[in-house]
């Protein structure tokens, strides 16, 4: 298996949104994707993808993102955090530690962006 983990390119918004819609049986409009991940009030999300380089067109088979959000702590200080979102690995590729590899890049990019906490909600059936 030849899998590459990297950041999503601006030119790939429509493609990754199609992957999401196919995976979840949704119809999330591209404008909604851009509202959530590109035009947020605290900046663009960090969006990581996994792609299978052996598939024609380098098929996107996994996604993970961090949407920046500013919180105010108990001392009244602002803290840059990020909400984990669009967590997905195609069922055919599960069990190959792709979450771990995507999170490794995501954590590194969050640290570089000054994000202090990454948080989220999940329907996962087991820890990852």
N, C-alpha and C. Protein backbone atom coordinates (compact mmCIF):
# COMPACT_ATOMS: atom_id res chain seq x y z
N UNK A 1 0.84 -1.17 0.00
CA UNK A 1 0.00 0.00 0.00
C UNK A 1 0.89 1.24 0.00
N UNK A 2 0.64 2.14 -0.93
CA UNK A 2 1.42 3.36 -1.05
C UNK A 2 0.51 4.54 -0.72
N UNK A 3 0.50 4.94 0.55
CA UNK A 3 -0.39 5.98 1.05
C UNK A 3 0.45 7.21 1.40
N UNK A 4 -0.01 8.37 0.94
CA UNK A 4 0.65 9.63 1.27
C UNK A 4 -0.29 10.45 2.15
N UNK A 5 0.27 11.02 3.22
CA UNK A 5 -0.46 11.91 4.12
C UNK A 5 0.07 13.31 3.86
N UNK A 6 -0.86 14.24 3.60
CA UNK A 6 -0.43 15.61 3.29
C UNK A 6 -1.57 16.58 3.57
N UNK A 7 -1.27 17.87 3.45
CA UNK A 7 -2.28 18.90 3.59
C UNK A 7 -3.11 19.00 2.31
N UNK A 8 -4.37 19.31 2.48
CA UNK A 8 -5.27 19.53 1.35
C UNK A 8 -4.87 20.80 0.62
N UNK A 9 -4.90 20.74 -0.70
CA UNK A 9 -4.63 21.92 -1.52
C UNK A 9 -5.93 22.68 -1.76
N UNK A 10 -5.83 23.99 -1.96
CA UNK A 10 -7.02 24.79 -2.23
C UNK A 10 -7.78 24.28 -3.45
N UNK A 11 -7.08 23.77 -4.41
CA UNK A 11 -7.70 23.28 -5.65
C UNK A 11 -8.47 21.97 -5.45
N UNK A 12 -8.40 21.38 -4.25
CA UNK A 12 -9.03 20.08 -4.00
C UNK A 12 -10.30 20.17 -3.14
N UNK A 13 -10.79 21.36 -2.87
CA UNK A 13 -11.99 21.50 -2.03
C UNK A 13 -13.16 20.69 -2.57
N UNK A 14 -13.45 20.83 -3.85
CA UNK A 14 -14.61 20.12 -4.43
C UNK A 14 -14.41 18.61 -4.34
N UNK A 15 -13.20 18.14 -4.61
CA UNK A 15 -12.93 16.71 -4.57
C UNK A 15 -13.12 16.14 -3.17
N UNK A 16 -12.55 16.79 -2.17
CA UNK A 16 -12.67 16.26 -0.81
C UNK A 16 -14.11 16.35 -0.31
N UNK A 17 -14.83 17.35 -0.74
CA UNK A 17 -16.24 17.45 -0.35
C UNK A 17 -17.06 16.32 -0.98
N UNK A 18 -16.73 15.96 -2.22
CA UNK A 18 -17.40 14.82 -2.87
C UNK A 18 -17.11 13.51 -2.12
N UNK A 19 -15.87 13.34 -1.67
CA UNK A 19 -15.50 12.15 -0.89
C UNK A 19 -16.36 12.08 0.37
N UNK A 20 -16.48 13.21 1.06
CA UNK A 20 -17.31 13.28 2.27
C UNK A 20 -18.76 12.91 1.95
N UNK A 21 -19.31 13.50 0.90
CA UNK A 21 -20.71 13.24 0.54
C UNK A 21 -20.94 11.77 0.20
N UNK A 22 -20.02 11.17 -0.54
CA UNK A 22 -20.15 9.74 -0.89
C UNK A 22 -20.05 8.87 0.36
N UNK A 23 -19.13 9.20 1.24
CA UNK A 23 -18.90 8.37 2.43
C UNK A 23 -20.08 8.40 3.39
N UNK A 24 -20.70 9.55 3.53
CA UNK A 24 -21.76 9.70 4.53
C UNK A 24 -23.15 9.79 3.92
N UNK A 25 -23.26 9.67 2.60
CA UNK A 25 -24.57 9.76 1.96
C UNK A 25 -25.21 11.12 2.14
N UNK A 26 -24.40 12.15 2.27
CA UNK A 26 -24.89 13.52 2.46
C UNK A 26 -24.83 14.30 1.16
N UNK A 27 -25.42 15.46 1.22
CA UNK A 27 -25.30 16.41 0.12
C UNK A 27 -24.86 17.73 0.74
N UNK A 28 -23.61 17.78 1.16
CA UNK A 28 -23.07 19.03 1.72
C UNK A 28 -22.62 19.88 0.54
N UNK A 29 -23.25 21.03 0.33
CA UNK A 29 -22.84 21.90 -0.78
C UNK A 29 -21.40 22.39 -0.59
N UNK A 30 -20.73 22.64 -1.69
CA UNK A 30 -19.36 23.14 -1.64
C UNK A 30 -19.29 24.45 -0.86
N UNK A 31 -20.29 25.31 -1.01
CA UNK A 31 -20.30 26.57 -0.25
C UNK A 31 -20.31 26.32 1.26
N UNK A 32 -21.00 25.27 1.70
CA UNK A 32 -21.01 24.93 3.12
C UNK A 32 -19.63 24.45 3.58
N UNK A 33 -18.97 23.65 2.73
CA UNK A 33 -17.60 23.21 3.04
C UNK A 33 -16.69 24.42 3.22
N UNK A 34 -16.77 25.35 2.26
CA UNK A 34 -15.91 26.53 2.32
C UNK A 34 -16.23 27.39 3.54
N UNK A 35 -17.52 27.52 3.90
CA UNK A 35 -17.91 28.29 5.07
C UNK A 35 -17.28 27.69 6.33
N UNK A 36 -17.31 26.36 6.42
CA UNK A 36 -16.82 25.69 7.62
C UNK A 36 -15.29 25.61 7.69
N UNK A 37 -14.65 25.35 6.56
CA UNK A 37 -13.22 25.03 6.59
C UNK A 37 -12.29 26.10 5.99
N UNK A 38 -12.84 27.03 5.24
CA UNK A 38 -11.98 28.01 4.58
C UNK A 38 -12.19 29.43 5.12
N UNK A 39 -13.43 29.81 5.37
CA UNK A 39 -13.75 31.18 5.72
C UNK A 39 -14.15 31.37 7.17
N UNK A 40 -13.59 30.58 8.06
CA UNK A 40 -13.93 30.68 9.47
C UNK A 40 -13.47 31.99 10.09
N UNK A 41 -14.12 32.41 11.17
CA UNK A 41 -13.78 33.69 11.79
C UNK A 41 -12.36 33.76 12.35
N UNK A 42 -11.75 32.61 12.67
CA UNK A 42 -10.39 32.60 13.20
C UNK A 42 -9.40 32.00 12.22
N UNK A 43 -9.79 31.94 10.96
CA UNK A 43 -8.87 31.48 9.93
C UNK A 43 -9.25 30.14 9.32
N UNK A 44 -8.52 29.81 8.33
CA UNK A 44 -8.73 28.58 7.57
C UNK A 44 -8.38 27.36 8.42
N UNK A 45 -9.15 26.30 8.25
CA UNK A 45 -8.87 25.05 8.95
C UNK A 45 -7.60 24.40 8.43
N UNK A 46 -6.99 23.63 9.28
CA UNK A 46 -5.89 22.76 8.86
C UNK A 46 -6.56 21.46 8.43
N UNK A 47 -6.38 21.08 7.17
CA UNK A 47 -7.11 19.94 6.62
C UNK A 47 -6.11 18.94 6.04
N UNK A 48 -6.07 17.77 6.63
CA UNK A 48 -5.13 16.71 6.25
C UNK A 48 -5.87 15.64 5.47
N UNK A 49 -5.23 15.11 4.44
CA UNK A 49 -5.81 14.00 3.68
C UNK A 49 -4.83 12.84 3.60
N UNK A 50 -5.40 11.66 3.40
CA UNK A 50 -4.62 10.47 3.06
C UNK A 50 -5.04 10.10 1.64
N UNK A 51 -4.06 9.82 0.81
CA UNK A 51 -4.40 9.45 -0.56
C UNK A 51 -3.65 8.19 -0.97
N UNK A 52 -4.34 7.36 -1.71
CA UNK A 52 -3.76 6.12 -2.22
C UNK A 52 -3.09 6.43 -3.55
N UNK A 53 -1.77 6.39 -3.57
CA UNK A 53 -1.01 6.74 -4.77
C UNK A 53 -1.07 5.66 -5.84
N UNK A 54 -1.58 4.49 -5.48
CA UNK A 54 -1.69 3.41 -6.46
C UNK A 54 -3.01 3.46 -7.22
N UNK A 55 -3.95 4.29 -6.75
CA UNK A 55 -5.23 4.43 -7.44
C UNK A 55 -5.11 5.54 -8.48
N UNK A 56 -5.78 5.36 -9.59
CA UNK A 56 -5.76 6.38 -10.64
C UNK A 56 -6.30 7.69 -10.08
N UNK A 57 -5.56 8.76 -10.27
CA UNK A 57 -5.97 10.06 -9.77
C UNK A 57 -5.66 10.29 -8.30
N UNK A 58 -4.84 9.42 -7.71
CA UNK A 58 -4.49 9.55 -6.29
C UNK A 58 -5.74 9.72 -5.43
N UNK A 59 -6.49 8.68 -5.33
CA UNK A 59 -7.78 8.68 -4.63
C UNK A 59 -7.63 9.09 -3.16
N UNK A 60 -8.45 10.05 -2.71
CA UNK A 60 -8.49 10.46 -1.31
C UNK A 60 -9.23 9.38 -0.53
N UNK A 61 -8.56 8.83 0.47
CA UNK A 61 -9.14 7.72 1.23
C UNK A 61 -9.28 8.03 2.72
N UNK A 62 -8.85 9.23 3.13
CA UNK A 62 -8.98 9.62 4.52
C UNK A 62 -8.87 11.13 4.68
N UNK A 63 -9.55 11.64 5.71
CA UNK A 63 -9.51 13.08 5.98
C UNK A 63 -9.50 13.32 7.48
N UNK A 64 -8.94 14.44 7.88
CA UNK A 64 -8.95 14.88 9.27
C UNK A 64 -8.63 16.37 9.27
N UNK A 65 -9.38 17.15 10.03
CA UNK A 65 -9.12 18.58 10.03
C UNK A 65 -9.21 19.16 11.44
N UNK A 66 -8.75 20.40 11.55
CA UNK A 66 -8.80 21.15 12.80
C UNK A 66 -9.27 22.57 12.45
N UNK A 67 -10.45 22.92 12.96
CA UNK A 67 -11.02 24.24 12.70
C UNK A 67 -10.64 25.16 13.85
N UNK A 68 -9.87 26.23 13.58
CA UNK A 68 -9.44 27.10 14.68
C UNK A 68 -10.62 27.85 15.32
N UNK A 69 -10.58 27.93 16.64
CA UNK A 69 -11.58 28.65 17.42
C UNK A 69 -10.90 29.25 18.64
N UNK A 70 -11.28 30.47 18.97
CA UNK A 70 -10.72 31.13 20.14
C UNK A 70 -11.69 30.95 21.31
N UNK A 71 -11.17 30.48 22.43
CA UNK A 71 -11.94 30.34 23.66
C UNK A 71 -11.39 31.32 24.69
N UNK A 72 -12.18 31.60 25.69
CA UNK A 72 -11.74 32.43 26.81
C UNK A 72 -11.68 31.53 28.03
N UNK A 73 -10.51 31.47 28.68
CA UNK A 73 -10.37 30.59 29.84
C UNK A 73 -10.89 31.27 31.11
N UNK A 74 -10.80 30.59 32.22
CA UNK A 74 -11.30 31.08 33.50
C UNK A 74 -10.63 32.36 33.98
N UNK A 75 -9.47 32.66 33.45
CA UNK A 75 -8.75 33.89 33.82
C UNK A 75 -9.08 35.05 32.89
N UNK A 76 -9.95 34.79 31.90
CA UNK A 76 -10.32 35.84 30.95
C UNK A 76 -9.34 35.97 29.80
N UNK A 77 -8.41 35.03 29.69
CA UNK A 77 -7.41 35.05 28.61
C UNK A 77 -7.96 34.31 27.39
N UNK A 78 -7.60 34.78 26.21
CA UNK A 78 -8.00 34.07 25.00
C UNK A 78 -7.01 32.95 24.72
N UNK A 79 -7.55 31.82 24.28
CA UNK A 79 -6.75 30.64 24.00
C UNK A 79 -7.14 30.13 22.61
N UNK A 80 -6.15 29.93 21.75
CA UNK A 80 -6.43 29.39 20.43
C UNK A 80 -6.56 27.87 20.53
N UNK A 81 -7.73 27.37 20.15
CA UNK A 81 -8.00 25.94 20.15
C UNK A 81 -8.41 25.55 18.74
N UNK A 82 -8.72 24.27 18.54
CA UNK A 82 -9.25 23.82 17.25
C UNK A 82 -10.19 22.64 17.48
N UNK A 83 -11.27 22.64 16.74
CA UNK A 83 -12.24 21.55 16.79
C UNK A 83 -11.88 20.53 15.72
N UNK A 84 -11.71 19.31 16.13
CA UNK A 84 -11.44 18.22 15.19
C UNK A 84 -12.72 17.94 14.40
N UNK A 85 -12.59 17.79 13.09
CA UNK A 85 -13.77 17.62 12.24
C UNK A 85 -13.40 16.84 10.99
N UNK A 86 -14.40 16.30 10.31
CA UNK A 86 -14.25 15.52 9.08
C UNK A 86 -13.28 14.34 9.24
N UNK A 87 -13.38 13.66 10.36
CA UNK A 87 -12.56 12.49 10.62
C UNK A 87 -13.12 11.32 9.83
N UNK A 88 -12.31 10.78 8.93
CA UNK A 88 -12.80 9.71 8.05
C UNK A 88 -11.65 8.90 7.48
N UNK A 89 -11.82 7.58 7.47
CA UNK A 89 -10.96 6.68 6.69
C UNK A 89 -11.90 5.72 5.97
N UNK A 90 -11.71 5.59 4.67
CA UNK A 90 -12.53 4.68 3.86
C UNK A 90 -12.48 3.28 4.47
N UNK A 91 -13.62 2.59 4.54
CA UNK A 91 -13.65 1.26 5.16
C UNK A 91 -12.63 0.27 4.60
N UNK A 92 -12.30 0.36 3.32
CA UNK A 92 -11.32 -0.56 2.72
C UNK A 92 -9.90 -0.34 3.24
N UNK A 93 -9.67 0.80 3.91
CA UNK A 93 -8.31 1.15 4.35
C UNK A 93 -8.17 1.17 5.86
N UNK A 94 -9.19 0.80 6.57
CA UNK A 94 -9.12 0.82 8.03
C UNK A 94 -8.22 -0.30 8.53
N UNK A 95 -7.63 -0.08 9.71
CA UNK A 95 -6.73 -1.08 10.29
C UNK A 95 -5.29 -0.92 9.86
N UNK A 96 -4.95 0.21 9.21
CA UNK A 96 -3.58 0.44 8.73
C UNK A 96 -2.93 1.65 9.39
N UNK A 97 -3.47 2.06 10.53
CA UNK A 97 -2.90 3.18 11.31
C UNK A 97 -2.93 4.51 10.56
N UNK A 98 -3.88 4.69 9.63
CA UNK A 98 -3.96 5.94 8.88
C UNK A 98 -4.40 7.10 9.77
N UNK A 99 -5.28 6.85 10.75
CA UNK A 99 -5.65 7.90 11.70
C UNK A 99 -4.41 8.42 12.39
N UNK A 100 -3.59 7.50 12.88
CA UNK A 100 -2.37 7.90 13.58
C UNK A 100 -1.49 8.77 12.69
N UNK A 101 -1.32 8.36 11.45
CA UNK A 101 -0.46 9.11 10.52
C UNK A 101 -1.06 10.48 10.20
N UNK A 102 -2.39 10.54 10.02
CA UNK A 102 -3.01 11.84 9.75
C UNK A 102 -2.92 12.75 10.98
N UNK A 103 -3.17 12.18 12.17
CA UNK A 103 -3.08 12.98 13.39
C UNK A 103 -1.66 13.47 13.64
N UNK A 104 -0.67 12.69 13.29
CA UNK A 104 0.72 13.13 13.48
C UNK A 104 0.97 14.44 12.72
N UNK A 105 0.55 14.49 11.46
CA UNK A 105 0.72 15.72 10.68
C UNK A 105 -0.19 16.82 11.23
N UNK A 106 -1.43 16.48 11.58
CA UNK A 106 -2.35 17.48 12.10
C UNK A 106 -1.82 18.11 13.38
N UNK A 107 -1.33 17.29 14.31
CA UNK A 107 -0.79 17.81 15.58
C UNK A 107 0.41 18.74 15.31
N UNK A 108 1.26 18.34 14.39
CA UNK A 108 2.42 19.16 14.06
C UNK A 108 2.00 20.52 13.49
N UNK A 109 1.04 20.50 12.58
CA UNK A 109 0.56 21.73 11.97
C UNK A 109 -0.17 22.61 12.99
N UNK A 110 -0.92 21.99 13.90
CA UNK A 110 -1.60 22.74 14.96
C UNK A 110 -0.57 23.43 15.86
N UNK A 111 0.47 22.70 16.22
CA UNK A 111 1.51 23.28 17.07
C UNK A 111 2.16 24.47 16.37
N UNK A 112 2.46 24.31 15.08
CA UNK A 112 3.07 25.41 14.30
C UNK A 112 2.15 26.62 14.22
N UNK A 113 0.83 26.40 14.25
CA UNK A 113 -0.15 27.49 14.15
C UNK A 113 -0.45 28.12 15.51
N UNK A 114 0.15 27.58 16.58
CA UNK A 114 -0.08 28.14 17.91
C UNK A 114 -1.35 27.63 18.58
N UNK A 115 -1.92 26.56 18.05
CA UNK A 115 -3.12 25.97 18.64
C UNK A 115 -2.71 25.21 19.89
N UNK A 116 -3.36 25.54 21.01
CA UNK A 116 -2.99 24.95 22.29
C UNK A 116 -3.78 23.70 22.64
N UNK A 117 -5.01 23.61 22.16
CA UNK A 117 -5.86 22.45 22.46
C UNK A 117 -6.61 22.03 21.21
N UNK A 118 -6.69 20.73 21.00
CA UNK A 118 -7.48 20.15 19.92
C UNK A 118 -8.58 19.32 20.59
N UNK A 119 -9.82 19.58 20.21
CA UNK A 119 -10.95 18.92 20.87
C UNK A 119 -11.99 18.55 19.84
N UNK A 120 -12.96 17.75 20.24
CA UNK A 120 -14.02 17.38 19.31
C UNK A 120 -14.97 16.37 19.91
N UNK A 121 -15.91 15.96 19.09
CA UNK A 121 -16.91 14.96 19.44
C UNK A 121 -16.82 13.85 18.41
N UNK A 122 -17.08 12.62 18.82
CA UNK A 122 -16.92 11.51 17.87
C UNK A 122 -17.99 10.45 18.07
N UNK A 123 -18.29 9.77 16.98
CA UNK A 123 -19.15 8.59 17.01
C UNK A 123 -18.31 7.33 16.98
N UNK A 124 -17.00 7.47 17.14
CA UNK A 124 -16.10 6.32 17.05
C UNK A 124 -16.51 5.23 18.04
N UNK A 125 -16.36 4.01 17.61
CA UNK A 125 -16.71 2.87 18.46
C UNK A 125 -15.54 2.38 19.28
N UNK A 126 -14.35 2.89 18.98
CA UNK A 126 -13.18 2.51 19.75
C UNK A 126 -12.21 3.69 19.76
N UNK A 127 -11.28 3.68 20.69
CA UNK A 127 -10.29 4.75 20.78
C UNK A 127 -9.38 4.75 19.57
N UNK A 128 -8.96 5.94 19.19
CA UNK A 128 -7.98 6.07 18.11
C UNK A 128 -7.02 7.18 18.45
